[in-house]
């Protein structure tokens, strides 16, 4: 019985010895973040419409995106009184 246990232990040592010579390669840099993404955060879609509504920061707090109001419409000049019918 002792020889079987010794053989199993030696076989295990031999098999695991191959893992010892593994060379660690340098880690690849993380992929670039997408357009509008904030590095180190997790995107959040709270209403489920498929559009990202905000993000969760490293502290776990949800922050909604704030969209600036659209610019005012350009004013049209008053119609001129001169012309074909003027």
N, C-alpha and C. Protein backbone atom coordinates (compact mmCIF):
# COMPACT_ATOMS: atom_id res chain seq x y z
N UNK A 1 0.82 -1.19 0.00
CA UNK A 1 0.00 0.00 0.00
C UNK A 1 0.86 1.26 0.00
N UNK A 2 1.92 1.24 0.75
CA UNK A 2 2.76 2.43 0.84
C UNK A 2 3.40 2.75 -0.50
N UNK A 3 3.71 1.73 -1.28
CA UNK A 3 4.33 1.96 -2.58
C UNK A 3 3.35 2.65 -3.54
N UNK A 4 2.06 2.32 -3.44
CA UNK A 4 1.06 2.95 -4.31
C UNK A 4 0.96 4.44 -3.99
N UNK A 5 0.92 4.76 -2.71
CA UNK A 5 0.84 6.16 -2.31
C UNK A 5 2.10 6.92 -2.73
N UNK A 6 3.24 6.27 -2.59
CA UNK A 6 4.49 6.90 -2.98
C UNK A 6 4.51 7.12 -4.50
N UNK A 7 4.00 6.16 -5.27
CA UNK A 7 3.97 6.30 -6.72
C UNK A 7 3.02 7.44 -7.14
N UNK A 8 1.88 7.54 -6.49
CA UNK A 8 0.93 8.62 -6.79
C UNK A 8 1.54 9.97 -6.45
N UNK A 9 2.22 10.09 -5.33
CA UNK A 9 2.85 11.34 -4.93
C UNK A 9 3.95 11.73 -5.90
N UNK A 10 4.75 10.76 -6.33
CA UNK A 10 5.82 11.06 -7.27
C UNK A 10 5.27 11.46 -8.64
N UNK A 11 4.20 10.77 -9.08
CA UNK A 11 3.59 11.13 -10.36
C UNK A 11 3.00 12.53 -10.29
N UNK A 12 2.35 12.88 -9.19
CA UNK A 12 1.80 14.22 -9.03
C UNK A 12 2.88 15.29 -9.02
N UNK A 13 3.99 15.00 -8.36
CA UNK A 13 5.11 15.94 -8.34
C UNK A 13 5.68 16.13 -9.73
N UNK A 14 5.77 15.03 -10.49
CA UNK A 14 6.29 15.11 -11.85
C UNK A 14 5.37 15.93 -12.75
N UNK A 15 4.07 15.70 -12.64
CA UNK A 15 3.10 16.42 -13.47
C UNK A 15 3.08 17.90 -13.12
N UNK A 16 3.06 18.21 -11.83
CA UNK A 16 3.02 19.61 -11.43
C UNK A 16 4.34 20.33 -11.64
N UNK A 17 5.41 19.57 -11.78
CA UNK A 17 6.71 20.18 -12.04
C UNK A 17 6.75 20.89 -13.38
N UNK A 18 5.93 20.46 -14.35
CA UNK A 18 5.88 21.11 -15.65
C UNK A 18 5.31 22.52 -15.56
N UNK A 19 4.47 22.77 -14.60
CA UNK A 19 3.87 24.10 -14.44
C UNK A 19 4.86 25.11 -13.90
N UNK A 20 5.91 24.64 -13.30
CA UNK A 20 6.87 25.52 -12.67
C UNK A 20 7.67 26.33 -13.68
N UNK A 21 7.87 25.81 -14.89
CA UNK A 21 8.70 26.48 -15.88
C UNK A 21 7.90 27.44 -16.75
N UNK A 22 6.66 27.74 -16.42
CA UNK A 22 5.82 28.63 -17.21
C UNK A 22 6.37 30.05 -17.14
N UNK A 23 6.58 30.68 -18.28
CA UNK A 23 7.08 32.05 -18.34
C UNK A 23 5.90 33.01 -18.39
N UNK A 24 5.88 33.96 -17.47
CA UNK A 24 4.82 34.95 -17.48
C UNK A 24 5.10 36.00 -18.54
N UNK A 25 4.13 36.20 -19.41
CA UNK A 25 4.26 37.24 -20.41
C UNK A 25 3.75 38.55 -19.82
N UNK A 26 4.27 39.67 -20.30
CA UNK A 26 3.76 40.95 -19.77
C UNK A 26 2.28 41.10 -20.10
N UNK A 27 1.54 41.72 -19.21
CA UNK A 27 0.10 41.89 -19.41
C UNK A 27 -0.15 42.91 -20.50
N UNK A 28 -1.19 42.66 -21.28
CA UNK A 28 -1.58 43.58 -22.33
C UNK A 28 -2.29 44.77 -21.68
N UNK A 29 -2.15 45.96 -22.26
CA UNK A 29 -2.88 47.09 -21.72
C UNK A 29 -4.38 46.90 -21.96
N UNK A 30 -5.22 47.52 -21.15
CA UNK A 30 -6.66 47.37 -21.36
C UNK A 30 -7.07 47.99 -22.69
N UNK A 31 -8.16 47.50 -23.29
CA UNK A 31 -8.59 48.07 -24.56
C UNK A 31 -9.05 49.51 -24.36
N UNK A 32 -8.96 50.33 -25.41
CA UNK A 32 -9.40 51.72 -25.27
C UNK A 32 -10.91 51.77 -25.01
N UNK A 33 -11.31 52.79 -24.28
CA UNK A 33 -12.73 52.94 -23.98
C UNK A 33 -13.44 53.49 -25.21
N UNK A 34 -14.72 53.21 -25.33
CA UNK A 34 -15.50 53.66 -26.48
C UNK A 34 -15.78 55.15 -26.43
N UNK A 35 -16.44 55.62 -27.44
CA UNK A 35 -16.78 57.03 -27.54
C UNK A 35 -17.76 57.40 -26.42
N UNK A 36 -17.45 58.40 -25.66
CA UNK A 36 -18.32 58.85 -24.58
C UNK A 36 -18.17 58.07 -23.29
N UNK A 37 -17.35 57.04 -23.27
CA UNK A 37 -17.17 56.24 -22.06
C UNK A 37 -16.19 56.92 -21.13
N UNK A 38 -16.33 56.65 -19.85
CA UNK A 38 -15.46 57.21 -18.83
C UNK A 38 -14.66 56.05 -18.26
N UNK A 39 -13.33 56.13 -18.33
CA UNK A 39 -12.47 55.03 -17.89
C UNK A 39 -12.68 54.77 -16.40
N UNK A 40 -12.77 53.49 -16.03
CA UNK A 40 -12.92 53.09 -14.64
C UNK A 40 -14.35 53.08 -14.13
N UNK A 41 -15.33 53.19 -15.03
CA UNK A 41 -16.74 53.20 -14.61
C UNK A 41 -17.48 52.07 -15.33
N UNK A 42 -18.71 51.83 -14.90
CA UNK A 42 -19.57 50.82 -15.50
C UNK A 42 -20.81 51.53 -16.04
N UNK A 43 -21.10 51.29 -17.32
CA UNK A 43 -22.26 51.94 -17.94
C UNK A 43 -23.55 51.39 -17.34
N UNK A 44 -24.58 52.22 -17.29
CA UNK A 44 -25.87 51.82 -16.71
C UNK A 44 -27.01 52.22 -17.63
N UNK A 45 -27.90 51.26 -17.89
CA UNK A 45 -29.11 51.50 -18.66
C UNK A 45 -30.28 51.23 -17.72
N UNK A 46 -30.73 52.24 -17.02
CA UNK A 46 -31.73 52.05 -15.96
C UNK A 46 -33.13 51.80 -16.48
N UNK A 47 -33.52 52.39 -17.61
CA UNK A 47 -34.89 52.20 -18.07
C UNK A 47 -35.02 51.08 -19.10
N UNK A 48 -33.92 50.42 -19.50
CA UNK A 48 -33.96 49.26 -20.37
C UNK A 48 -34.26 49.55 -21.82
N UNK A 49 -34.03 50.77 -22.29
CA UNK A 49 -34.32 51.09 -23.68
C UNK A 49 -33.12 50.87 -24.60
N UNK A 50 -32.00 50.41 -24.06
CA UNK A 50 -30.82 50.13 -24.87
C UNK A 50 -29.88 51.30 -25.00
N UNK A 51 -30.19 52.42 -24.38
CA UNK A 51 -29.34 53.60 -24.42
C UNK A 51 -28.78 53.81 -23.02
N UNK A 52 -27.47 54.04 -22.93
CA UNK A 52 -26.84 54.24 -21.64
C UNK A 52 -27.32 55.56 -21.04
N UNK A 53 -27.88 55.47 -19.83
CA UNK A 53 -28.44 56.66 -19.17
C UNK A 53 -27.46 57.32 -18.21
N UNK A 54 -26.47 56.59 -17.75
CA UNK A 54 -25.52 57.12 -16.80
C UNK A 54 -24.44 56.09 -16.55
N UNK A 55 -23.77 56.19 -15.42
CA UNK A 55 -22.70 55.26 -15.11
C UNK A 55 -22.57 55.11 -13.60
N UNK A 56 -21.98 54.00 -13.19
CA UNK A 56 -21.64 53.76 -11.80
C UNK A 56 -20.16 54.02 -11.64
N UNK A 57 -19.80 54.88 -10.71
CA UNK A 57 -18.40 55.20 -10.47
C UNK A 57 -17.74 54.13 -9.62
N UNK A 58 -16.45 54.33 -9.32
CA UNK A 58 -15.69 53.38 -8.52
C UNK A 58 -16.24 53.28 -7.10
N UNK A 59 -16.93 54.32 -6.64
CA UNK A 59 -17.50 54.30 -5.30
C UNK A 59 -18.88 53.66 -5.26
N UNK A 60 -19.41 53.22 -6.40
CA UNK A 60 -20.69 52.54 -6.46
C UNK A 60 -21.89 53.45 -6.55
N UNK A 61 -21.69 54.74 -6.72
CA UNK A 61 -22.79 55.70 -6.80
C UNK A 61 -23.17 55.90 -8.27
N UNK A 62 -24.48 55.88 -8.55
CA UNK A 62 -24.99 56.10 -9.90
C UNK A 62 -24.96 57.58 -10.21
N UNK A 63 -24.48 57.92 -11.40
CA UNK A 63 -24.46 59.31 -11.85
C UNK A 63 -25.11 59.35 -13.24
N UNK A 64 -26.16 60.13 -13.35
CA UNK A 64 -26.88 60.25 -14.62
C UNK A 64 -26.15 61.23 -15.53
N UNK A 65 -26.23 60.97 -16.84
CA UNK A 65 -25.68 61.91 -17.80
C UNK A 65 -26.58 63.14 -17.84
N UNK A 66 -25.97 64.31 -17.88
CA UNK A 66 -26.72 65.56 -17.98
C UNK A 66 -26.51 66.09 -19.39
N UNK A 67 -27.62 66.19 -20.12
CA UNK A 67 -27.56 66.66 -21.50
C UNK A 67 -27.79 68.17 -21.49
N UNK A 68 -26.89 68.94 -22.12
CA UNK A 68 -27.11 70.39 -22.16
C UNK A 68 -28.32 70.71 -23.03
N UNK A 69 -29.03 71.79 -22.72
CA UNK A 69 -30.20 72.14 -23.53
C UNK A 69 -29.77 72.49 -24.95
N UNK A 70 -30.64 72.25 -25.92
CA UNK A 70 -30.27 72.57 -27.31
C UNK A 70 -30.18 74.09 -27.48
N UNK A 71 -29.39 74.52 -28.47
CA UNK A 71 -29.28 75.96 -28.70
C UNK A 71 -30.62 76.52 -29.18
N UNK A 72 -30.88 77.80 -28.94
CA UNK A 72 -32.16 78.37 -29.39
C UNK A 72 -32.22 78.41 -30.92
N UNK A 73 -33.41 78.34 -31.41
CA UNK A 73 -33.61 78.37 -32.86
C UNK A 73 -33.22 79.75 -33.39
N UNK A 74 -32.63 79.78 -34.57
CA UNK A 74 -32.28 81.08 -35.14
C UNK A 74 -33.54 81.85 -35.50
N UNK A 75 -33.51 83.15 -35.27
CA UNK A 75 -34.68 83.98 -35.61
C UNK A 75 -34.65 84.30 -37.09
N UNK A 76 -35.82 84.29 -37.66
CA UNK A 76 -35.94 84.60 -39.08
C UNK A 76 -36.08 86.11 -39.23
N UNK A 77 -35.43 86.68 -40.24
CA UNK A 77 -35.59 88.12 -40.46
C UNK A 77 -37.02 88.41 -40.94
N UNK A 78 -37.53 89.56 -40.61
CA UNK A 78 -38.89 89.88 -41.07
C UNK A 78 -38.91 89.95 -42.60
N UNK A 79 -40.05 89.60 -43.18
CA UNK A 79 -40.12 89.66 -44.65
C UNK A 79 -39.95 91.10 -45.15
N UNK A 80 -39.25 91.23 -46.24
CA UNK A 80 -39.03 92.58 -46.78
C UNK A 80 -40.27 93.03 -47.55
N UNK A 81 -40.50 94.30 -47.54
CA UNK A 81 -41.66 94.85 -48.24
C UNK A 81 -41.33 95.17 -49.69
N UNK A 82 -40.08 95.14 -50.04
CA UNK A 82 -39.73 95.42 -51.44
C UNK A 82 -39.60 94.10 -52.18
N UNK A 83 -39.83 94.14 -53.42
CA UNK A 83 -39.73 92.93 -54.21
C UNK A 83 -40.77 92.92 -55.29
N UNK A 84 -41.21 91.77 -55.71
CA UNK A 84 -42.16 91.64 -56.79
C UNK A 84 -43.46 92.39 -56.50
N UNK A 85 -43.97 92.14 -55.32
CA UNK A 85 -45.28 92.72 -55.00
C UNK A 85 -45.14 93.94 -54.09
N UNK A 86 -43.95 94.28 -53.71
CA UNK A 86 -43.77 95.33 -52.74
C UNK A 86 -43.87 96.65 -53.32
